[in-house]
Amino acid sequence: MKKEFISLAAGCVFTLFTAGTALAQVQLPEITVTESAKSNISNTKVTSSFENSFKNVSHVKWYESGNRYLVNFMTEDLRNHVLYTKKGQMIYHIIYGFEKNLPSDLLSQVKGQYKAYSVIRAINVKQGGANVWMVNLENAKGYVMLRMADGDMNEVRTLKKTMPSEVRASL
């Protein structure tokens, strides 16, 4: 009886030890991100670059991580994100807009091919000379995400809407 108990106890301890190590998480290196509501960023190259590029902004928030500076802000009704290097060079600029913010030629192209859809979001990504628009569409049956750049329009993803099973059962 004692031998069985000792074997059982040893088995439990071994199981707990191996399960604990199997479920252990990988430890990633720590990074420090600081936030500032004002441009209290000590890097004047970055703040000067921002102030020269953007006027009439509101809700400005700065984030610093290593050698990168992210600034989130509003221009009129548009949310913006801009990432800078420590030398004040813009890495990217993302503008989150709507149908009314999509250039008219692109809107015509979308409406021409997706008549049954409504534009629910238009996101403009500017990086390294590229000017890409991601356009999210919706209709009663689903969603379509488009990528528009250099006169080309490509479907990135389509999703179908489904009804919850309890709604289907009641029909």
Protein backbone atom coordinates (compact mmCIF):
# COMPACT_ATOMS: atom_id res chain seq x y z
CA MET A 1 0.00 0.00 0.00
CA LYS A 2 2.84 2.41 0.86
CA LYS A 3 4.59 1.57 -2.41
CA GLU A 4 1.42 2.32 -4.38
CA PHE A 5 0.95 5.64 -2.57
CA ILE A 6 4.58 6.68 -3.13
CA SER A 7 4.34 5.72 -6.81
CA LEU A 8 1.09 7.64 -7.17
CA ALA A 9 2.53 10.71 -5.42
CA ALA A 10 5.70 10.60 -7.54
CA GLY A 11 3.57 10.29 -10.68
CA CYS A 12 1.48 13.31 -9.68
CA VAL A 13 4.58 15.43 -8.97
CA PHE A 14 6.14 14.39 -12.30
CA THR A 15 2.88 15.19 -14.15
CA LEU A 16 2.59 18.61 -12.51
CA PHE A 17 6.22 19.42 -13.31
CA THR A 18 6.02 18.40 -16.97
CA ALA A 19 2.63 20.07 -17.49
CA GLY A 20 3.96 23.29 -15.98
CA THR A 21 6.95 23.40 -18.29
CA ALA A 22 4.91 22.41 -21.34
CA LEU A 23 2.53 25.32 -20.77
CA ALA A 24 5.26 27.84 -19.94
CA GLN A 25 5.20 31.03 -21.97
CA VAL A 26 8.11 32.35 -23.95
CA GLN A 27 9.62 35.41 -22.29
CA LEU A 28 10.02 38.27 -24.76
CA PRO A 29 12.39 41.16 -24.22
CA GLU A 30 10.85 44.20 -22.59
CA ILE A 31 10.37 47.44 -24.50
CA THR A 32 9.35 50.77 -23.08
CA VAL A 33 6.67 52.81 -24.77
CA THR A 34 6.07 56.29 -23.46
CA GLU A 35 3.04 58.42 -24.24
CA SER A 36 2.66 62.16 -24.24
CA ALA A 37 -0.45 64.20 -24.98
CA LYS A 38 1.66 67.20 -25.98
CA SER A 39 4.74 67.13 -28.14
CA ASN A 40 6.99 66.58 -25.13
CA ILE A 41 9.12 64.35 -27.31
CA SER A 42 12.70 65.48 -26.79
CA ASN A 43 13.67 64.80 -30.41
CA THR A 44 13.28 68.16 -32.17
CA LYS A 45 13.89 66.66 -35.63
CA VAL A 46 10.78 64.53 -35.20
CA THR A 47 8.55 67.26 -33.80
CA SER A 48 9.72 69.78 -36.43
CA SER A 49 9.02 67.31 -39.21
CA PHE A 50 5.54 66.70 -37.82
CA GLU A 51 4.74 70.40 -37.37
CA ASN A 52 5.96 71.21 -40.90
CA SER A 53 3.88 68.42 -42.44
CA PHE A 54 0.61 68.76 -40.55
CA LYS A 55 -1.40 71.86 -39.66
CA ASN A 56 -4.72 72.25 -37.81
CA VAL A 57 -4.44 68.99 -35.90
CA SER A 58 -6.13 67.97 -32.66
CA HIS A 59 -6.04 65.13 -30.14
CA VAL A 60 -2.29 64.67 -30.65
CA LYS A 61 -0.69 61.75 -28.78
CA TRP A 62 2.94 60.77 -29.09
CA TYR A 63 4.41 57.33 -28.44
CA GLU A 64 8.12 56.62 -28.29
CA SER A 65 9.56 53.14 -28.69
CA GLY A 66 13.28 52.76 -29.16
CA ASN A 67 14.28 54.72 -32.27
CA ARG A 68 10.72 55.18 -33.55
CA TYR A 69 8.14 57.87 -32.83
CA LEU A 70 4.44 57.28 -33.47
CA VAL A 71 2.02 60.18 -33.42
CA ASN A 72 -1.76 59.71 -33.50
CA PHE A 73 -3.91 62.74 -34.23
CA MET A 74 -7.09 64.02 -35.84
CA THR A 75 -7.46 66.29 -38.87
CA GLU A 76 -11.09 67.34 -39.24
CA ASP A 77 -12.95 64.00 -38.94
CA LEU A 78 -9.99 61.81 -39.95
CA ARG A 79 -7.89 59.71 -37.60
CA ASN A 80 -4.18 59.69 -38.56
CA HIS A 81 -1.15 57.63 -37.55
CA VAL A 82 2.35 58.67 -38.58
CA LEU A 83 5.57 56.82 -37.75
CA TYR A 84 8.91 58.66 -37.77
CA THR A 85 12.54 57.61 -37.47
CA LYS A 86 14.74 59.29 -34.88
CA LYS A 87 16.04 61.53 -37.70
CA GLY A 88 12.53 62.86 -38.36
CA GLN A 89 11.96 60.89 -41.57
CA MET A 90 8.40 59.72 -42.09
CA ILE A 91 8.15 55.93 -42.41
CA TYR A 92 4.42 55.79 -43.05
CA HIS A 93 1.21 57.80 -42.78
CA ILE A 94 -2.15 56.06 -42.36
CA ILE A 95 -5.41 58.00 -42.73
CA TYR A 96 -8.67 56.38 -41.61
CA GLY A 97 -11.57 57.79 -43.60
CA PHE A 98 -14.92 57.02 -45.15
CA GLU A 99 -16.56 57.04 -48.58
CA LYS A 100 -16.50 60.85 -48.76
CA ASN A 101 -12.70 60.80 -48.31
CA LEU A 102 -12.05 58.42 -51.20
CA PRO A 103 -10.84 60.25 -54.34
CA SER A 104 -13.65 60.56 -56.89
CA ASP A 105 -11.89 58.51 -59.59
CA LEU A 106 -11.37 55.62 -57.16
CA LEU A 107 -14.94 55.88 -55.88
CA SER A 108 -16.24 55.70 -59.46
CA GLN A 109 -14.15 52.60 -60.06
CA VAL A 110 -15.50 50.94 -56.90
CA LYS A 111 -19.12 51.89 -57.57
CA GLY A 112 -18.79 50.68 -61.17
CA GLN A 113 -17.81 47.15 -60.15
CA TYR A 114 -19.54 46.84 -56.77
CA LYS A 115 -22.92 48.50 -57.32
CA ALA A 116 -24.69 46.46 -54.64
CA TYR A 117 -22.18 47.46 -51.94
CA SER A 118 -21.71 50.48 -49.69
CA VAL A 119 -18.30 51.83 -48.74
CA ILE A 120 -17.99 51.54 -44.96
CA ARG A 121 -14.31 52.47 -44.59
CA ALA A 122 -11.55 53.94 -46.75
CA ILE A 123 -8.01 53.71 -45.39
CA ASN A 124 -5.13 55.48 -47.12
CA VAL A 125 -1.61 54.16 -46.52
CA LYS A 126 1.34 56.24 -47.70
CA GLN A 127 4.78 54.68 -47.41
CA GLY A 128 7.96 55.04 -49.41
CA GLY A 129 6.32 56.77 -52.35
CA ALA A 130 3.45 54.26 -52.48
CA ASN A 131 -0.11 55.51 -52.10
CA VAL A 132 -2.45 52.59 -51.36
CA TRP A 133 -6.14 52.67 -50.52
CA MET A 134 -7.80 49.84 -48.60
CA VAL A 135 -11.56 50.05 -49.10
CA ASN A 136 -14.05 48.05 -47.04
CA LEU A 137 -17.45 47.37 -48.62
CA GLU A 138 -20.64 45.91 -47.19
CA ASN A 139 -23.99 44.67 -48.47
CA ALA A 140 -26.74 42.46 -47.04
CA LYS A 141 -24.82 39.28 -47.86
CA GLY A 142 -21.28 40.13 -46.81
CA TYR A 143 -18.15 42.21 -46.88
CA VAL A 144 -15.41 42.84 -49.44
CA MET A 145 -11.98 44.35 -48.79
CA LEU A 146 -10.32 46.00 -51.79
CA ARG A 147 -6.74 47.15 -52.33
CA MET A 148 -6.36 50.02 -54.77
CA ALA A 149 -2.97 51.23 -56.01
CA ASP A 150 -1.53 52.51 -59.27
CA GLY A 151 -4.87 52.26 -61.06
CA ASP A 152 -5.35 48.60 -60.10
CA MET A 153 -8.15 47.31 -57.89
CA ASN A 154 -7.79 43.88 -56.26
CA GLU A 155 -10.07 41.95 -53.93
CA VAL A 156 -8.09 41.13 -50.82
CA ARG A 157 -10.80 39.31 -48.89
CA THR A 158 -14.50 38.51 -49.01
CA LEU A 159 -16.58 37.48 -46.04
CA LYS A 160 -20.14 36.18 -46.07
CA LYS A 161 -22.59 37.18 -43.39
CA THR A 162 -24.24 34.26 -41.64
CA MET A 163 -27.29 34.18 -39.48
CA PRO A 164 -27.02 32.80 -35.94
CA SER A 165 -28.40 29.25 -35.69
CA GLU A 166 -31.31 30.30 -33.44
CA VAL A 167 -32.47 32.79 -36.10
CA ARG A 168 -32.16 30.17 -38.86
CA ALA A 169 -34.17 27.68 -36.80
CA SER A 170 -37.03 30.15 -36.34
CA LEU A 171 -37.38 30.74 -40.10
